């Protein structure tokens, strides 16, 4: 990016200043990743600054700033069904989301694919909106003040019923989270 300063009065000699604010958005960098931003100016007031970067060495014409990206880091834990699965009876899986990152998150999505042999009954949690279609449960988290960084937790209870014909069958139930 290249910016050109234009002002009829210029920048005052002997310590005058001018400020340029640049707003950036981070990409998909991981929580705790450090990024360095480099800038350079032509010290003569001309239009040919040094190339910004680690090799730009003039203390008066080059500057840098290193910052650490804050981001949520969500993990998902799933309980065994309680009570234990029994044909024709309801059981509840509890899915707990923990934010161990350095920033809160206002949104997240859990997906839980029920295996053949389990029927969906209900799903709910504080600040969660859940729906089910063809055995895929989708739950969206939305909270205006966010799920706190550094260990904040929230959970969803998914109620299922074991279908007839599943006695003495091993069923595996998978879930995932997308921050």
Foldseek 3Di string as FASTA:
>chain_A
DADADDDPVDADPDDGDDDDDDDDDDDPDDFFDKDKDKFFDDVVSDRDTDDTDPPPPDPVGMDMDIDTDWDWDKDKDKDAWPPHADAPDKTKIKIKIWTQTRAFDFKKKKKKAFDPQKAWDDKDWVQWDWDDDPRIIMIMHGDPVGQDYRTGMTMMITMIHGHPPCPPHDTDMDMDMDD
